[in-house]
Amino acid sequence: IYDAFTLNVPIDLEGAGFCKVGEGGAFAAD
């Protein structure tokens, strides 16, 4: 995932379907 900023990662995780909308941050932190 292109991580120009930490924010890009949860956004892409959600967009790619690895977790639900709004859960990207928790997915990473877990």
PDB file of all heavy atoms in Angstrom:
ATOM      1  N   ILE A   1       0.849  -1.188   0.000  1.00  0.00           N
ATOM      2  CA  ILE A   1       0.000   0.000   0.000  1.00  0.00           C
ATOM      3  C   ILE A   1       0.884   1.237   0.000  1.00  0.00           C
ATOM      4  O   ILE A   1       1.805   1.354   0.815  1.00  0.00           O
ATOM      5  CB  ILE A   1      -0.936   0.011   1.224  1.00  0.00           C
ATOM      6  CG1 ILE A   1      -1.913  -1.162   1.140  1.00  0.00           C
ATOM      7  CG2 ILE A   1      -1.696   1.333   1.316  1.00  0.00           C
ATOM      8  CD1 ILE A   1      -2.832  -1.287   2.340  1.00  0.00           C
ATOM      9  N   TYR A   2       0.603   2.135  -0.908  1.00  0.00           N
ATOM     10  CA  TYR A   2       1.385   3.367  -1.019  1.00  0.00           C
ATOM     11  C   TYR A   2       1.117   4.207   0.230  1.00  0.00           C
ATOM     12  O   TYR A   2       0.085   4.859   0.344  1.00  0.00           O
ATOM     13  CB  TYR A   2       0.968   4.110  -2.281  1.00  0.00           C
ATOM     14  CG  TYR A   2       1.874   5.258  -2.686  1.00  0.00           C
ATOM     15  CD1 TYR A   2       2.033   5.588  -4.018  1.00  0.00           C
ATOM     16  CD2 TYR A   2       2.554   6.014  -1.750  1.00  0.00           C
ATOM     17  CE1 TYR A   2       2.854   6.640  -4.416  1.00  0.00           C
ATOM     18  CE2 TYR A   2       3.368   7.058  -2.120  1.00  0.00           C
ATOM     19  CZ  TYR A   2       3.512   7.365  -3.459  1.00  0.00           C
ATOM     20  OH  TYR A   2       4.325   8.413  -3.828  1.00  0.00           O
ATOM     21  N   ASP A   3       2.077   4.225   1.135  1.00  0.00           N
ATOM     22  CA  ASP A   3       1.919   4.908   2.421  1.00  0.00           C
ATOM     23  C   ASP A   3       2.676   6.234   2.435  1.00  0.00           C
ATOM     24  O   ASP A   3       3.605   6.421   3.216  1.00  0.00           O
ATOM     25  CB  ASP A   3       2.382   4.014   3.574  1.00  0.00           C
ATOM     26  CG  ASP A   3       3.810   3.507   3.392  1.00  0.00           C
ATOM     27  OD1 ASP A   3       4.301   3.495   2.243  1.00  0.00           O
ATOM     28  OD2 ASP A   3       4.447   3.149   4.393  1.00  0.00           O
ATOM     29  N   ALA A   4       2.247   7.161   1.585  1.00  0.00           N
ATOM     30  CA  ALA A   4       2.840   8.494   1.640  1.00  0.00           C
ATOM     31  C   ALA A   4       2.578   9.118   3.009  1.00  0.00           C
ATOM     32  O   ALA A   4       3.375   9.910   3.515  1.00  0.00           O
ATOM     33  CB  ALA A   4       2.268   9.375   0.539  1.00  0.00           C
ATOM     34  N   PHE A   5       1.455   8.740   3.604  1.00  0.00           N
ATOM     35  CA  PHE A   5       1.088   9.151   4.963  1.00  0.00           C
ATOM     36  C   PHE A   5       0.433   7.955   5.642  1.00  0.00           C
ATOM     37  O   PHE A   5      -0.115   7.078   4.975  1.00  0.00           O
ATOM     38  CB  PHE A   5       0.107  10.332   4.927  1.00  0.00           C
ATOM     39  CG  PHE A   5       0.624  11.516   4.170  1.00  0.00           C
ATOM     40  CD1 PHE A   5       0.332  11.682   2.822  1.00  0.00           C
ATOM     41  CD2 PHE A   5       1.430  12.462   4.793  1.00  0.00           C
ATOM     42  CE1 PHE A   5       0.835  12.754   2.107  1.00  0.00           C
ATOM     43  CE2 PHE A   5       1.933  13.545   4.086  1.00  0.00           C
ATOM     44  CZ  PHE A   5       1.639  13.688   2.743  1.00  0.00           C
ATOM     45  N   THR A   6       0.484   7.921   6.960  1.00  0.00           N
ATOM     46  CA  THR A   6      -0.161   6.817   7.676  1.00  0.00           C
ATOM     47  C   THR A   6      -1.630   6.716   7.291  1.00  0.00           C
ATOM     48  O   THR A   6      -2.190   5.623   7.220  1.00  0.00           O
ATOM     49  CB  THR A   6      -0.032   7.002   9.195  1.00  0.00           C
ATOM     50  OG1 THR A   6      -0.496   8.317   9.557  1.00  0.00           O
ATOM     51  CG2 THR A   6       1.408   6.838   9.655  1.00  0.00           C
ATOM     52  N   LEU A   7      -2.266   7.839   7.017  1.00  0.00           N
ATOM     53  CA  LEU A   7      -3.686   7.865   6.686  1.00  0.00           C
ATOM     54  C   LEU A   7      -4.009   7.044   5.449  1.00  0.00           C
ATOM     55  O   LEU A   7      -5.100   6.459   5.342  1.00  0.00           O
ATOM     56  CB  LEU A   7      -4.140   9.312   6.471  1.00  0.00           C
ATOM     57  CG  LEU A   7      -5.586   9.510   6.034  1.00  0.00           C
ATOM     58  CD1 LEU A   7      -6.540   9.078   7.133  1.00  0.00           C
ATOM     59  CD2 LEU A   7      -5.845  10.952   5.638  1.00  0.00           C
ATOM     60  N   ASN A   8      -3.092   6.984   4.475  1.00  0.00           N
ATOM     61  CA  ASN A   8      -3.366   6.245   3.249  1.00  0.00           C
ATOM     62  C   ASN A   8      -3.670   4.780   3.520  1.00  0.00           C
ATOM     63  O   ASN A   8      -4.437   4.151   2.788  1.00  0.00           O
ATOM     64  CB  ASN A   8      -2.174   6.322   2.290  1.00  0.00           C
ATOM     65  CG  ASN A   8      -1.944   7.708   1.737  1.00  0.00           C
ATOM     66  OD1 ASN A   8      -0.941   8.343   2.038  1.00  0.00           O
ATOM     67  ND2 ASN A   8      -2.882   8.192   0.937  1.00  0.00           N
ATOM     68  N   VAL A   9      -3.060   4.238   4.556  1.00  0.00           N
ATOM     69  CA  VAL A   9      -3.179   2.798   4.788  1.00  0.00           C
ATOM     70  C   VAL A   9      -4.593   2.394   5.212  1.00  0.00           C
ATOM     71  O   VAL A   9      -5.198   1.514   4.583  1.00  0.00           O
ATOM     72  CB  VAL A   9      -2.106   2.316   5.776  1.00  0.00           C
ATOM     73  CG1 VAL A   9      -2.302   0.835   6.103  1.00  0.00           C
ATOM     74  CG2 VAL A   9      -0.706   2.542   5.183  1.00  0.00           C
ATOM     75  N   PRO A  10      -5.187   2.988   6.260  1.00  0.00           N
ATOM     76  CA  PRO A  10      -6.572   2.594   6.576  1.00  0.00           C
ATOM     77  C   PRO A  10      -7.560   2.883   5.455  1.00  0.00           C
ATOM     78  O   PRO A  10      -8.502   2.112   5.237  1.00  0.00           O
ATOM     79  CB  PRO A  10      -6.908   3.400   7.843  1.00  0.00           C
ATOM     80  CG  PRO A  10      -5.856   4.440   7.965  1.00  0.00           C
ATOM     81  CD  PRO A  10      -4.659   3.905   7.284  1.00  0.00           C
ATOM     82  N   ILE A  11      -7.354   3.981   4.727  1.00  0.00           N
ATOM     83  CA  ILE A  11      -8.250   4.281   3.602  1.00  0.00           C
ATOM     84  C   ILE A  11      -8.171   3.178   2.558  1.00  0.00           C
ATOM     85  O   ILE A  11      -9.201   2.681   2.063  1.00  0.00           O
ATOM     86  CB  ILE A  11      -7.908   5.646   2.985  1.00  0.00           C
ATOM     87  CG1 ILE A  11      -8.344   6.778   3.922  1.00  0.00           C
ATOM     88  CG2 ILE A  11      -8.584   5.809   1.618  1.00  0.00           C
ATOM     89  CD1 ILE A  11      -7.968   8.158   3.434  1.00  0.00           C
ATOM     90  N   ASP A  12      -6.966   2.740   2.206  1.00  0.00           N
ATOM     91  CA  ASP A  12      -6.811   1.695   1.192  1.00  0.00           C
ATOM     92  C   ASP A  12      -7.273   0.338   1.710  1.00  0.00           C
ATOM     93  O   ASP A  12      -7.809  -0.471   0.945  1.00  0.00           O
ATOM     94  CB  ASP A  12      -5.360   1.621   0.723  1.00  0.00           C
ATOM     95  CG  ASP A  12      -5.012   2.728  -0.266  1.00  0.00           C
ATOM     96  OD1 ASP A  12      -5.678   3.784  -0.217  1.00  0.00           O
ATOM     97  OD2 ASP A  12      -4.074   2.552  -1.062  1.00  0.00           O
ATOM     98  N   LEU A  13      -7.053   0.052   2.982  1.00  0.00           N
ATOM     99  CA  LEU A  13      -7.534  -1.208   3.553  1.00  0.00           C
ATOM    100  C   LEU A  13      -9.049  -1.316   3.410  1.00  0.00           C
ATOM    101  O   LEU A  13      -9.582  -2.377   3.069  1.00  0.00           O
ATOM    102  CB  LEU A  13      -7.151  -1.300   5.034  1.00  0.00           C
ATOM    103  CG  LEU A  13      -5.672  -1.497   5.349  1.00  0.00           C
ATOM    104  CD1 LEU A  13      -5.422  -1.313   6.846  1.00  0.00           C
ATOM    105  CD2 LEU A  13      -5.185  -2.879   4.904  1.00  0.00           C
ATOM    106  N   GLU A  14      -9.746  -0.212   3.657  1.00  0.00           N
ATOM    107  CA  GLU A  14     -11.202  -0.201   3.530  1.00  0.00           C
ATOM    108  C   GLU A  14     -11.613  -0.267   2.065  1.00  0.00           C
ATOM    109  O   GLU A  14     -12.516  -1.031   1.695  1.00  0.00           O
ATOM    110  CB  GLU A  14     -11.764   1.056   4.195  1.00  0.00           C
ATOM    111  CG  GLU A  14     -11.554   1.091   5.699  1.00  0.00           C
ATOM    112  CD  GLU A  14     -11.924   2.433   6.323  1.00  0.00           C
ATOM    113  OE1 GLU A  14     -12.629   3.224   5.660  1.00  0.00           O
ATOM    114  OE2 GLU A  14     -11.510   2.685   7.475  1.00  0.00           O
ATOM    115  N   GLY A  15     -10.937   0.503   1.217  1.00  0.00           N
ATOM    116  CA  GLY A  15     -11.277   0.504  -0.196  1.00  0.00           C
ATOM    117  C   GLY A  15     -11.037  -0.839  -0.855  1.00  0.00           C
ATOM    118  O   GLY A  15     -11.778  -1.238  -1.757  1.00  0.00           O
ATOM    119  N   ALA A  16     -10.020  -1.552  -0.397  1.00  0.00           N
ATOM    120  CA  ALA A  16      -9.690  -2.854  -0.979  1.00  0.00           C
ATOM    121  C   ALA A  16     -10.528  -3.983  -0.398  1.00  0.00           C
ATOM    122  O   ALA A  16     -10.414  -5.134  -0.840  1.00  0.00           O
ATOM    123  CB  ALA A  16      -8.204  -3.159  -0.770  1.00  0.00           C
ATOM    124  N   GLY A  17     -11.340  -3.685   0.590  1.00  0.00           N
ATOM    125  CA  GLY A  17     -12.254  -4.683   1.130  1.00  0.00           C
ATOM    126  C   GLY A  17     -11.701  -5.573   2.218  1.00  0.00           C
ATOM    127  O   GLY A  17     -12.298  -6.608   2.541  1.00  0.00           O
ATOM    128  N   PHE A  18     -10.592  -5.192   2.822  1.00  0.00           N
ATOM    129  CA  PHE A  18     -10.032  -6.008   3.893  1.00  0.00           C
ATOM    130  C   PHE A  18     -10.750  -5.792   5.225  1.00  0.00           C
ATOM    131  O   PHE A  18     -10.607  -6.589   6.150  1.00  0.00           O
ATOM    132  CB  PHE A  18      -8.536  -5.714   4.061  1.00  0.00           C
ATOM    133  CG  PHE A  18      -7.722  -6.104   2.859  1.00  0.00           C
ATOM    134  CD1 PHE A  18      -7.045  -5.146   2.125  1.00  0.00           C
ATOM    135  CD2 PHE A  18      -7.650  -7.422   2.446  1.00  0.00           C
ATOM    136  CE1 PHE A  18      -6.300  -5.494   1.007  1.00  0.00           C
ATOM    137  CE2 PHE A  18      -6.915  -7.788   1.336  1.00  0.00           C
ATOM    138  CZ  PHE A  18      -6.240  -6.823   0.608  1.00  0.00           C
ATOM    139  N   CYS A  19     -11.490  -4.722   5.326  1.00  0.00           N
ATOM    140  CA  CYS A  19     -12.285  -4.440   6.515  1.00  0.00           C
ATOM    141  C   CYS A  19     -13.417  -3.512   6.116  1.00  0.00           C
ATOM    142  O   CYS A  19     -13.443  -2.996   4.996  1.00  0.00           O
ATOM    143  CB  CYS A  19     -11.424  -3.820   7.620  1.00  0.00           C
ATOM    144  SG  CYS A  19     -10.562  -2.317   7.128  1.00  0.00           S
ATOM    145  N   LYS A  20     -14.351  -3.291   7.027  1.00  0.00           N
ATOM    146  CA  LYS A  20     -15.492  -2.434   6.737  1.00  0.00           C
ATOM    147  C   LYS A  20     -15.102  -0.962   6.781  1.00  0.00           C
ATOM    148  O   LYS A  20     -14.071  -0.594   7.347  1.00  0.00           O
ATOM    149  CB  LYS A  20     -16.609  -2.715   7.739  1.00  0.00           C
ATOM    150  CG  LYS A  20     -17.194  -4.114   7.637  1.00  0.00           C
ATOM    151  CD  LYS A  20     -18.290  -4.323   8.671  1.00  0.00           C
ATOM    152  CE  LYS A  20     -18.873  -5.737   8.570  1.00  0.00           C
ATOM    153  NZ  LYS A  20     -19.921  -5.953   9.616  1.00  0.00           N
ATOM    154  N   VAL A  21     -15.947  -0.134   6.199  1.00  0.00           N
ATOM    155  CA  VAL A  21     -15.735   1.311   6.226  1.00  0.00           C
ATOM    156  C   VAL A  21     -15.653   1.783   7.675  1.00  0.00           C
ATOM    157  O   VAL A  21     -16.487   1.429   8.510  1.00  0.00           O
ATOM    158  CB  VAL A  21     -16.869   2.040   5.497  1.00  0.00           C
ATOM    159  CG1 VAL A  21     -16.739   3.552   5.666  1.00  0.00           C
ATOM    160  CG2 VAL A  21     -16.858   1.677   4.012  1.00  0.00           C
ATOM    161  N   GLY A  22     -14.611   2.556   7.963  1.00  0.00           N
ATOM    162  CA  GLY A  22     -14.425   3.075   9.303  1.00  0.00           C
ATOM    163  C   GLY A  22     -13.637   2.175  10.222  1.00  0.00           C
ATOM    164  O   GLY A  22     -13.342   2.552  11.364  1.00  0.00           O
ATOM    165  N   GLU A  23     -13.249   0.979   9.741  1.00  0.00           N
ATOM    166  CA  GLU A  23     -12.534   0.021  10.588  1.00  0.00           C
ATOM    167  C   GLU A  23     -11.063  -0.114  10.210  1.00  0.00           C
ATOM    168  O   GLU A  23     -10.345  -0.921  10.803  1.00  0.00           O
ATOM    169  CB  GLU A  23     -13.215  -1.344  10.525  1.00  0.00           C
ATOM    170  CG  GLU A  23     -14.627  -1.346  11.099  1.00  0.00           C
ATOM    171  CD  GLU A  23     -15.281  -2.717  11.073  1.00  0.00           C
ATOM    172  OE1 GLU A  23     -14.633  -3.670  10.562  1.00  0.00           O
ATOM    173  OE2 GLU A  23     -16.417  -2.834  11.551  1.00  0.00           O
ATOM    174  N   GLY A  24     -10.597   0.670   9.236  1.00  0.00           N
ATOM    175  CA  GLY A  24      -9.211   0.532   8.793  1.00  0.00           C
ATOM    176  C   GLY A  24      -8.208   0.830   9.881  1.00  0.00           C
ATOM    177  O   GLY A  24      -7.178   0.142  10.001  1.00  0.00           O
ATOM    178  N   GLY A  25      -8.458   1.860  10.688  1.00  0.00           N
ATOM    179  CA  GLY A  25      -7.542   2.203  11.770  1.00  0.00           C
ATOM    180  C   GLY A  25      -7.437   1.097  12.800  1.00  0.00           C
ATOM    181  O   GLY A  25      -6.334   0.730  13.235  1.00  0.00           O
ATOM    182  N   ALA A  26      -8.579   0.553  13.197  1.00  0.00           N
ATOM    183  CA  ALA A  26      -8.579  -0.537  14.174  1.00  0.00           C
ATOM    184  C   ALA A  26      -7.933  -1.790  13.596  1.00  0.00           C
ATOM    185  O   ALA A  26      -7.210  -2.516  14.296  1.00  0.00           O
ATOM    186  CB  ALA A  26     -10.012  -0.828  14.621  1.00  0.00           C
ATOM    187  N   PHE A  27      -8.156  -2.053  12.299  1.00  0.00           N
ATOM    188  CA  PHE A  27      -7.556  -3.208  11.629  1.00  0.00           C
ATOM    189  C   PHE A  27      -6.039  -3.128  11.715  1.00  0.00           C
ATOM    190  O   PHE A  27      -5.355  -4.124  12.009  1.00  0.00           O
ATOM    191  CB  PHE A  27      -8.018  -3.240  10.178  1.00  0.00           C
ATOM    192  CG  PHE A  27      -7.580  -4.453   9.399  1.00  0.00           C
ATOM    193  CD1 PHE A  27      -8.348  -5.592   9.379  1.00  0.00           C
ATOM    194  CD2 PHE A  27      -6.401  -4.437   8.656  1.00  0.00           C
ATOM    195  CE1 PHE A  27      -7.959  -6.712   8.643  1.00  0.00           C
ATOM    196  CE2 PHE A  27      -5.989  -5.546   7.920  1.00  0.00           C
ATOM    197  CZ  PHE A  27      -6.778  -6.685   7.917  1.00  0.00           C
ATOM    198  N   ALA A  28      -5.498  -1.941  11.476  1.00  0.00           N
ATOM    199  CA  ALA A  28      -4.049  -1.753  11.557  1.00  0.00           C
ATOM    200  C   ALA A  28      -3.553  -1.848  12.996  1.00  0.00           C
ATOM    201  O   ALA A  28      -2.545  -2.522  13.286  1.00  0.00           O
ATOM    202  CB  ALA A  28      -3.661  -0.404  10.964  1.00  0.00           C
ATOM    203  N   ALA A  29      -4.250  -1.204  13.916  1.00  0.00           N
ATOM    204  CA  ALA A  29      -3.817  -1.185  15.309  1.00  0.00           C
ATOM    205  C   ALA A  29      -3.875  -2.562  15.952  1.00  0.00           C
ATOM    206  O   ALA A  29      -3.138  -2.839  16.917  1.00  0.00           O
ATOM    207  CB  ALA A  29      -4.676  -0.202  16.101  1.00  0.00           C
ATOM    208  N   ASP A  30      -4.727  -3.447  15.437  1.00  0.00           N
ATOM    209  CA  ASP A  30      -4.840  -4.804  15.988  1.00  0.00           C
ATOM    210  C   ASP A  30      -3.723  -5.726  15.526  1.00  0.00           C
ATOM    211  O   ASP A  30      -3.738  -6.924  15.854  1.00  0.00           O
ATOM    212  CB  ASP A  30      -6.198  -5.413  15.607  1.00  0.00           C
ATOM    213  CG  ASP A  30      -7.352  -4.786  16.379  1.00  0.00           C
ATOM    214  OD1 ASP A  30      -7.089  -4.115  17.399  1.00  0.00           O
ATOM    215  OD2 ASP A  30      -8.515  -4.964  15.958  1.00  0.00           O
TER     216      ASP A  30
END
